């Protein structure tokens, strides 16, 4: 592929966001629960199609894997 045939990073991000939006819409229409991660509270929720949220769990570890691996070495 030539460089002129590549799409820009902004276009990739737009396409990914749209694909996620469509998938979430599809799951809501099929009445399938959606798993959501809240970064502020670091909690994992299961959201049902009626909008209700149930807490599934909390984040187990803090920090990135590379940071944790560097501490061990």
PDB file of N, CA and C in Angstrom:
ATOM      1  N   UNK A   1       0.829  -1.182   0.000  1.00  0.00           N
ATOM      2  CA  UNK A   1       0.000   0.000   0.000  1.00  0.00           C
ATOM      3  C   UNK A   1       0.875   1.247   0.000  1.00  0.00           C
ATOM      4  N   UNK A   2       0.481   2.179  -0.792  1.00  0.00           N
ATOM      5  CA  UNK A   2       1.205   3.436  -0.815  1.00  0.00           C
ATOM      6  C   UNK A   2       0.739   4.323   0.334  1.00  0.00           C
ATOM      7  N   UNK A   3       1.572   5.230   0.704  1.00  0.00           N
ATOM      8  CA  UNK A   3       1.270   6.135   1.821  1.00  0.00           C
ATOM      9  C   UNK A   3       0.005   6.952   1.545  1.00  0.00           C
ATOM     10  N   UNK A   4      -0.261   7.278   0.297  1.00  0.00           N
ATOM     11  CA  UNK A   4      -1.441   8.078  -0.058  1.00  0.00           C
ATOM     12  C   UNK A   4      -2.743   7.313   0.172  1.00  0.00           C
ATOM     13  N   UNK A   5      -2.662   5.977   0.230  1.00  0.00           N
ATOM     14  CA  UNK A   5      -3.857   5.156   0.381  1.00  0.00           C
ATOM     15  C   UNK A   5      -4.262   4.960   1.845  1.00  0.00           C
ATOM     16  N   UNK A   6      -3.404   5.354   2.785  1.00  0.00           N
ATOM     17  CA  UNK A   6      -3.715   5.207   4.208  1.00  0.00           C
ATOM     18  C   UNK A   6      -4.776   6.218   4.615  1.00  0.00           C
ATOM     19  N   UNK A   7      -5.535   5.875   5.645  1.00  0.00           N
ATOM     20  CA  UNK A   7      -6.469   6.847   6.181  1.00  0.00           C
ATOM     21  C   UNK A   7      -5.831   7.509   7.404  1.00  0.00           C
ATOM     22  N   UNK A   8      -6.286   8.696   7.727  1.00  0.00           N
ATOM     23  CA  UNK A   8      -5.686   9.451   8.824  1.00  0.00           C
ATOM     24  C   UNK A   8      -6.081   8.857  10.171  1.00  0.00           C
ATOM     25  N   UNK A   9      -5.326   9.213  11.193  1.00  0.00           N
ATOM     26  CA  UNK A   9      -5.618   8.741  12.545  1.00  0.00           C
ATOM     27  C   UNK A   9      -6.992   9.229  13.004  1.00  0.00           C
ATOM     28  N   UNK A  10      -7.335  10.444  12.644  1.00  0.00           N
ATOM     29  CA  UNK A  10      -8.643  10.986  13.032  1.00  0.00           C
ATOM     30  C   UNK A  10      -9.777  10.161  12.434  1.00  0.00           C
ATOM     31  N   UNK A  11      -9.604   9.714  11.201  1.00  0.00           N
ATOM     32  CA  UNK A  11     -10.629   8.904  10.545  1.00  0.00           C
ATOM     33  C   UNK A  11     -10.736   7.534  11.209  1.00  0.00           C
ATOM     34  N   UNK A  12      -9.612   6.970  11.620  1.00  0.00           N
ATOM     35  CA  UNK A  12      -9.627   5.685  12.318  1.00  0.00           C
ATOM     36  C   UNK A  12     -10.389   5.822  13.626  1.00  0.00           C
ATOM     37  N   UNK A  13     -10.115   6.892  14.370  1.00  0.00           N
ATOM     38  CA  UNK A  13     -10.795   7.117  15.645  1.00  0.00           C
ATOM     39  C   UNK A  13     -12.293   7.295  15.425  1.00  0.00           C
ATOM     40  N   UNK A  14     -12.682   8.029  14.404  1.00  0.00           N
ATOM     41  CA  UNK A  14     -14.111   8.222  14.101  1.00  0.00           C
ATOM     42  C   UNK A  14     -14.787   6.894  13.785  1.00  0.00           C
ATOM     43  N   UNK A  15     -14.120   6.059  13.009  1.00  0.00           N
ATOM     44  CA  UNK A  15     -14.693   4.765  12.630  1.00  0.00           C
ATOM     45  C   UNK A  15     -14.827   3.837  13.837  1.00  0.00           C
ATOM     46  N   UNK A  16     -13.819   3.839  14.705  1.00  0.00           N
ATOM     47  CA  UNK A  16     -13.880   2.995  15.897  1.00  0.00           C
ATOM     48  C   UNK A  16     -14.995   3.454  16.816  1.00  0.00           C
ATOM     49  N   UNK A  17     -15.102   4.758  17.034  1.00  0.00           N
ATOM     50  CA  UNK A  17     -16.166   5.281  17.900  1.00  0.00           C
ATOM     51  C   UNK A  17     -17.544   4.946  17.344  1.00  0.00           C
ATOM     52  N   UNK A  18     -17.701   5.039  16.056  1.00  0.00           N
ATOM     53  CA  UNK A  18     -18.982   4.719  15.430  1.00  0.00           C
ATOM     54  C   UNK A  18     -19.289   3.227  15.543  1.00  0.00           C
ATOM     55  N   UNK A  19     -18.272   2.378  15.380  1.00  0.00           N
ATOM     56  CA  UNK A  19     -18.478   0.935  15.510  1.00  0.00           C
ATOM     57  C   UNK A  19     -18.902   0.570  16.933  1.00  0.00           C
ATOM     58  N   UNK A  20     -18.295   1.201  17.924  1.00  0.00           N
ATOM     59  CA  UNK A  20     -18.660   0.947  19.325  1.00  0.00           C
ATOM     60  C   UNK A  20     -20.080   1.418  19.589  1.00  0.00           C
ATOM     61  N   UNK A  21     -20.429   2.603  19.078  1.00  0.00           N
ATOM     62  CA  UNK A  21     -21.779   3.133  19.276  1.00  0.00           C
ATOM     63  C   UNK A  21     -22.829   2.196  18.671  1.00  0.00           C
ATOM     64  N   UNK A  22     -22.562   1.683  17.480  1.00  0.00           N
ATOM     65  CA  UNK A  22     -23.497   0.771  16.817  1.00  0.00           C
ATOM     66  C   UNK A  22     -23.624  -0.527  17.610  1.00  0.00           C
ATOM     67  N   UNK A  23     -22.498  -1.049  18.101  1.00  0.00           N
ATOM     68  CA  UNK A  23     -22.527  -2.302  18.866  1.00  0.00           C
ATOM     69  C   UNK A  23     -23.312  -2.131  20.169  1.00  0.00           C
ATOM     70  N   UNK A  24     -23.123  -1.010  20.855  1.00  0.00           N
ATOM     71  CA  UNK A  24     -23.877  -0.763  22.087  1.00  0.00           C
ATOM     72  C   UNK A  24     -25.371  -0.625  21.795  1.00  0.00           C
ATOM     73  N   UNK A  25     -25.696   0.052  20.708  1.00  0.00           N
ATOM     74  CA  UNK A  25     -27.097   0.205  20.305  1.00  0.00           C
ATOM     75  C   UNK A  25     -27.716  -1.159  20.007  1.00  0.00           C
ATOM     76  N   UNK A  26     -26.969  -2.006  19.321  1.00  0.00           N
ATOM     77  CA  UNK A  26     -27.449  -3.350  18.978  1.00  0.00           C
ATOM     78  C   UNK A  26     -27.701  -4.182  20.235  1.00  0.00           C
ATOM     79  N   UNK A  27     -26.756  -4.112  21.200  1.00  0.00           N
ATOM     80  CA  UNK A  27     -26.926  -4.874  22.443  1.00  0.00           C
ATOM     81  C   UNK A  27     -28.142  -4.393  23.228  1.00  0.00           C
ATOM     82  N   UNK A  28     -28.365  -3.079  23.252  1.00  0.00           N
ATOM     83  CA  UNK A  28     -29.546  -2.546  23.956  1.00  0.00           C
ATOM     84  C   UNK A  28     -30.834  -3.026  23.281  1.00  0.00           C
ATOM     85  N   UNK A  29     -30.836  -3.059  21.949  1.00  0.00           N
ATOM     86  CA  UNK A  29     -32.023  -3.489  21.213  1.00  0.00           C
ATOM     87  C   UNK A  29     -32.299  -4.974  21.429  1.00  0.00           C
ATOM     88  N   UNK A  30     -31.236  -5.763  21.618  1.00  0.00           N
ATOM     89  CA  UNK A  30     -31.392  -7.202  21.817  1.00  0.00           C
ATOM     90  C   UNK A  30     -31.590  -7.561  23.286  1.00  0.00           C
ATOM     91  N   UNK A  31     -31.638  -6.550  24.147  1.00  0.00           N
ATOM     92  CA  UNK A  31     -31.837  -6.736  25.586  1.00  0.00           C
ATOM     93  C   UNK A  31     -30.698  -7.561  26.206  1.00  0.00           C
ATOM     94  N   UNK A  32     -29.464  -7.263  25.776  1.00  0.00           N
ATOM     95  CA  UNK A  32     -28.267  -7.924  26.299  1.00  0.00           C
ATOM     96  C   UNK A  32     -27.560  -6.933  27.218  1.00  0.00           C
ATOM     97  N   UNK A  33     -27.161  -7.341  28.420  1.00  0.00           N
ATOM     98  CA  UNK A  33     -26.471  -6.407  29.313  1.00  0.00           C
ATOM     99  C   UNK A  33     -25.114  -5.973  28.765  1.00  0.00           C
ATOM    100  N   UNK A  34     -24.729  -4.758  29.121  1.00  0.00           N
ATOM    101  CA  UNK A  34     -23.482  -4.161  28.669  1.00  0.00           C
ATOM    102  C   UNK A  34     -22.574  -4.000  29.881  1.00  0.00           C
ATOM    103  N   UNK A  35     -21.301  -4.302  29.722  1.00  0.00           N
ATOM    104  CA  UNK A  35     -20.330  -4.128  30.801  1.00  0.00           C
ATOM    105  C   UNK A  35     -19.629  -2.789  30.593  1.00  0.00           C
ATOM    106  N   UNK A  36     -19.629  -1.961  31.652  1.00  0.00           N
ATOM    107  CA  UNK A  36     -19.065  -0.619  31.587  1.00  0.00           C
ATOM    108  C   UNK A  36     -18.046  -0.453  32.705  1.00  0.00           C
ATOM    109  N   UNK A  37     -16.911   0.183  32.379  1.00  0.00           N
ATOM    110  CA  UNK A  37     -15.880   0.483  33.382  1.00  0.00           C
ATOM    111  C   UNK A  37     -15.894   1.976  33.650  1.00  0.00           C
ATOM    112  N   UNK A  38     -16.055   2.361  34.905  1.00  0.00           N
ATOM    113  CA  UNK A  38     -16.023   3.761  35.315  1.00  0.00           C
ATOM    114  C   UNK A  38     -14.612   4.066  35.796  1.00  0.00           C
ATOM    115  N   UNK A  39     -13.894   4.875  35.050  1.00  0.00           N
ATOM    116  CA  UNK A  39     -12.507   5.168  35.363  1.00  0.00           C
ATOM    117  C   UNK A  39     -12.316   5.999  36.617  1.00  0.00           C
ATOM    118  N   UNK A  40     -13.290   6.832  36.936  1.00  0.00           N
ATOM    119  CA  UNK A  40     -13.167   7.678  38.124  1.00  0.00           C
ATOM    120  C   UNK A  40     -13.254   6.862  39.408  1.00  0.00           C
ATOM    121  N   UNK A  41     -14.270   6.010  39.508  1.00  0.00           N
ATOM    122  CA  UNK A  41     -14.450   5.197  40.713  1.00  0.00           C
ATOM    123  C   UNK A  41     -13.750   3.848  40.602  1.00  0.00           C
ATOM    124  N   UNK A  42     -13.228   3.537  39.419  1.00  0.00           N
ATOM    125  CA  UNK A  42     -12.556   2.270  39.119  1.00  0.00           C
ATOM    126  C   UNK A  42     -13.447   1.078  39.471  1.00  0.00           C
ATOM    127  N   UNK A  43     -14.703   1.182  39.050  1.00  0.00           N
ATOM    128  CA  UNK A  43     -15.697   0.152  39.311  1.00  0.00           C
ATOM    129  C   UNK A  43     -16.219  -0.387  37.984  1.00  0.00           C
ATOM    130  N   UNK A  44     -16.522  -1.676  37.952  1.00  0.00           N
ATOM    131  CA  UNK A  44     -17.084  -2.317  36.765  1.00  0.00           C
ATOM    132  C   UNK A  44     -18.574  -2.509  37.002  1.00  0.00           C
ATOM    133  N   UNK A  45     -19.395  -2.062  36.044  1.00  0.00           N
ATOM    134  CA  UNK A  45     -20.844  -2.158  36.148  1.00  0.00           C
ATOM    135  C   UNK A  45     -21.411  -3.005  35.026  1.00  0.00           C
ATOM    136  N   UNK A  46     -22.551  -3.611  35.293  1.00  0.00           N
ATOM    137  CA  UNK A  46     -23.350  -4.257  34.257  1.00  0.00           C
ATOM    138  C   UNK A  46     -24.570  -3.377  34.079  1.00  0.00           C
ATOM    139  N   UNK A  47     -24.736  -2.834  32.878  1.00  0.00           N
ATOM    140  CA  UNK A  47     -25.875  -1.960  32.600  1.00  0.00           C
ATOM    141  C   UNK A  47     -26.898  -2.727  31.776  1.00  0.00           C
ATOM    142  N   UNK A  48     -28.121  -2.785  32.276  1.00  0.00           N
ATOM    143  CA  UNK A  48     -29.196  -3.485  31.573  1.00  0.00           C
ATOM    144  C   UNK A  48     -29.853  -2.545  30.576  1.00  0.00           C
ATOM    145  N   UNK A  49     -30.664  -3.102  29.695  1.00  0.00           N
ATOM    146  CA  UNK A  49     -31.289  -2.294  28.644  1.00  0.00           C
ATOM    147  C   UNK A  49     -32.279  -1.274  29.203  1.00  0.00           C
ATOM    148  N   UNK A  50     -32.776  -1.498  30.421  1.00  0.00           N
ATOM    149  CA  UNK A  50     -33.693  -0.529  31.021  1.00  0.00           C
ATOM    150  C   UNK A  50     -32.959   0.623  31.704  1.00  0.00           C
ATOM    151  N   UNK A  51     -31.613   0.599  31.689  1.00  0.00           N
ATOM    152  CA  UNK A  51     -30.820   1.677  32.257  1.00  0.00           C
ATOM    153  C   UNK A  51     -30.327   1.423  33.667  1.00  0.00           C
ATOM    154  N   UNK A  52     -30.767   0.338  34.299  1.00  0.00           N
ATOM    155  CA  UNK A  52     -30.326   0.045  35.658  1.00  0.00           C
ATOM    156  C   UNK A  52     -28.888  -0.482  35.633  1.00  0.00           C
ATOM    157  N   UNK A  53     -28.127  -0.123  36.681  1.00  0.00           N
ATOM    158  CA  UNK A  53     -26.728  -0.553  36.789  1.00  0.00           C
ATOM    159  C   UNK A  53     -26.533  -1.428  38.015  1.00  0.00           C
ATOM    160  N   UNK A  54     -25.761  -2.484  37.839  1.00  0.00           N
ATOM    161  CA  UNK A  54     -25.419  -3.385  38.936  1.00  0.00           C
ATOM    162  C   UNK A  54     -23.898  -3.435  39.011  1.00  0.00           C
ATOM    163  N   UNK A  55     -23.347  -3.204  40.199  1.00  0.00           N
ATOM    164  CA  UNK A  55     -21.900  -3.264  40.363  1.00  0.00           C
ATOM    165  C   UNK A  55     -21.437  -4.711  40.279  1.00  0.00           C
ATOM    166  N   UNK A  56     -20.459  -4.958  39.419  1.00  0.00           N
ATOM    167  CA  UNK A  56     -19.946  -6.307  39.217  1.00  0.00           C
ATOM    168  C   UNK A  56     -18.651  -6.509  40.007  1.00  0.00           C
ATOM    169  N   UNK A  57     -17.807  -5.499  40.039  1.00  0.00           N
ATOM    170  CA  UNK A  57     -16.552  -5.635  40.752  1.00  0.00           C
ATOM    171  C   UNK A  57     -15.759  -4.349  40.753  1.00  0.00           C
ATOM    172  N   UNK A  58     -14.594  -4.404  41.377  1.00  0.00           N
ATOM    173  CA  UNK A  58     -13.682  -3.271  41.427  1.00  0.00           C
ATOM    174  C   UNK A  58     -12.382  -3.661  40.752  1.00  0.00           C
ATOM    175  N   UNK A  59     -11.616  -2.657  40.431  1.00  0.00           N
ATOM    176  CA  UNK A  59     -10.321  -2.884  39.812  1.00  0.00           C
ATOM    177  C   UNK A  59      -9.407  -3.592  40.798  1.00  0.00           C
ATOM    178  N   UNK A  60      -8.719  -4.638  40.334  1.00  0.00           N
ATOM    179  CA  UNK A  60      -7.907  -5.449  41.235  1.00  0.00           C
ATOM    180  C   UNK A  60      -6.519  -4.855  41.480  1.00  0.00           C
ATOM    181  N   UNK A  61      -5.912  -4.313  40.448  1.00  0.00           N
ATOM    182  CA  UNK A  61      -4.549  -3.804  40.569  1.00  0.00           C
ATOM    183  C   UNK A  61      -4.499  -2.350  40.156  1.00  0.00           C
ATOM    184  N   UNK A  62      -3.515  -1.647  40.680  1.00  0.00           N
ATOM    185  CA  UNK A  62      -3.334  -0.250  40.303  1.00  0.00           C
ATOM    186  C   UNK A  62      -2.068  -0.129  39.485  1.00  0.00           C
ATOM    187  N   UNK A  63      -2.057   0.803  38.566  1.00  0.00           N
ATOM    188  CA  UNK A  63      -0.888   1.050  37.731  1.00  0.00           C
ATOM    189  C   UNK A  63      -0.886   0.201  36.480  1.00  0.00           C
ATOM    190  N   UNK A  64      -0.035   0.583  35.575  1.00  0.00           N
ATOM    191  CA  UNK A  64       0.104  -0.156  34.327  1.00  0.00           C
ATOM    192  C   UNK A  64       0.947  -1.404  34.545  1.00  0.00           C
ATOM    193  N   UNK A  65       0.769  -2.372  33.661  1.00  0.00           N
ATOM    194  CA  UNK A  65       1.529  -3.616  33.773  1.00  0.00           C
ATOM    195  C   UNK A  65       3.027  -3.349  33.691  1.00  0.00           C
ATOM    196  N   UNK A  66       3.422  -2.465  32.775  1.00  0.00           N
ATOM    197  CA  UNK A  66       4.845  -2.185  32.605  1.00  0.00           C
ATOM    198  C   UNK A  66       5.442  -1.576  33.872  1.00  0.00           C
ATOM    199  N   UNK A  67       4.655  -0.771  34.597  1.00  0.00           N
ATOM    200  CA  UNK A  67       5.141  -0.181  35.834  1.00  0.00           C
ATOM    201  C   UNK A  67       5.283  -1.249  36.912  1.00  0.00           C
ATOM    202  N   UNK A  68       4.330  -2.165  36.997  1.00  0.00           N
ATOM    203  CA  UNK A  68       4.395  -3.240  38.000  1.00  0.00           C
ATOM    204  C   UNK A  68       5.538  -4.195  37.683  1.00  0.00           C
ATOM    205  N   UNK A  69       5.756  -4.504  36.414  1.00  0.00           N
ATOM    206  CA  UNK A  69       6.820  -5.427  36.014  1.00  0.00           C
ATOM    207  C   UNK A  69       8.183  -4.806  36.275  1.00  0.00           C
ATOM    208  N   UNK A  70       8.319  -3.496  36.118  1.00  0.00           N
ATOM    209  CA  UNK A  70       9.609  -2.831  36.337  1.00  0.00           C
ATOM    210  C   UNK A  70       9.991  -2.872  37.821  1.00  0.00           C
ATOM    211  N   UNK A  71       9.004  -2.813  38.712  1.00  0.00           N
ATOM    212  CA  UNK A  71       9.272  -2.859  40.148  1.00  0.00           C
ATOM    213  C   UNK A  71       9.826  -4.213  40.565  1.00  0.00           C
ATOM    214  N   UNK A  72       9.338  -5.291  39.930  1.00  0.00           N
ATOM    215  CA  UNK A  72       9.790  -6.646  40.288  1.00  0.00           C
ATOM    216  C   UNK A  72      11.216  -6.900  39.822  1.00  0.00           C
ATOM    217  N   UNK A  73      11.584  -6.326  38.681  1.00  0.00           N
ATOM    218  CA  UNK A  73      12.908  -6.602  38.093  1.00  0.00           C
ATOM    219  C   UNK A  73      14.036  -5.905  38.808  1.00  0.00           C
TER     220      UNK A  73
END
